[in-house]
Protein backbone atom coordinates (compact mmCIF):
# COMPACT_ATOMS: atom_id res chain seq x y z
CA MET A 1 78.20 105.29 120.40
CA THR A 2 79.13 101.49 119.28
CA LYS A 3 82.14 99.74 120.53
CA ALA A 4 84.38 97.65 118.68
CA LYS A 5 84.26 94.12 119.00
CA GLN A 6 87.46 92.54 121.11
CA GLY A 7 90.26 92.70 118.40
CA LEU A 8 88.20 94.10 115.40
CA ASP A 9 89.31 97.64 114.05
CA LYS A 10 85.87 99.83 114.54
CA ASN A 11 86.43 101.82 111.53
CA LEU A 12 86.78 98.79 109.22
CA SER A 13 83.85 97.02 110.52
CA GLY A 14 81.62 100.05 109.85
CA VAL A 15 82.78 100.11 106.10
CA VAL A 16 81.84 96.57 106.06
CA ASP A 17 78.47 97.48 107.29
CA ASP A 18 77.84 99.90 105.22
CA LEU A 19 79.13 97.67 102.07
CA ALA A 20 76.84 94.83 103.21
CA GLN A 21 73.59 96.92 102.81
CA SER A 22 71.41 95.86 99.81
CA ALA A 23 69.40 99.25 97.64
CA VAL A 24 65.86 99.43 98.09
CA ASN A 25 65.09 101.13 95.06
CA SER A 26 67.58 102.75 91.97
CA HIS A 27 68.32 106.09 93.81
CA GLN A 28 69.56 104.48 97.18
CA ALA A 29 71.86 101.81 94.78
CA GLN A 30 73.03 104.90 92.83
CA GLN A 31 74.33 106.09 96.06
CA LEU A 32 75.91 103.17 97.46
CA GLN A 33 77.61 102.96 94.47
CA GLN A 34 78.74 106.14 94.50
CA ASP A 35 80.07 105.74 98.21
CA ARG A 36 81.67 102.53 96.92
CA ASN A 37 83.49 104.67 94.80
CA ASP A 38 84.09 107.55 96.65
CA ARG A 39 86.15 104.76 98.93
CA ARG A 40 88.05 103.44 96.44
CA HIS A 41 88.67 106.86 94.99
CA GLN A 42 90.51 107.81 98.33
CA ASP A 43 92.43 104.62 99.35
CA ALA A 44 94.11 105.63 95.36
CA LEU A 45 95.02 108.76 96.63
CA ASN A 46 96.06 107.65 99.89
CA HIS A 47 98.38 104.74 98.64
CA ASP A 48 99.65 107.20 95.43
CA SER A 49 103.27 107.00 95.31
CA SER A 50 104.36 110.04 93.89
CA THR A 51 107.98 110.63 92.31
CA ASP A 52 107.83 114.39 91.78
CA LEU A 53 109.89 115.29 94.45
CA GLU A 54 113.29 114.97 92.83
CA HIS A 55 113.66 119.13 93.44
CA LEU A 56 113.95 118.98 97.20
């Protein structure tokens, strides 16, 4: 298991390392792009401000 550097978020450091990779071939490039898209989609879901709670 890796340790986070002092004062840095371990999860965020892992994401930065993943995004900094360069692809070796087209298949790996597609996989890396899909990982980025998945992160963006999950981030959008996490920040969704639903207003469909007026029935409560």
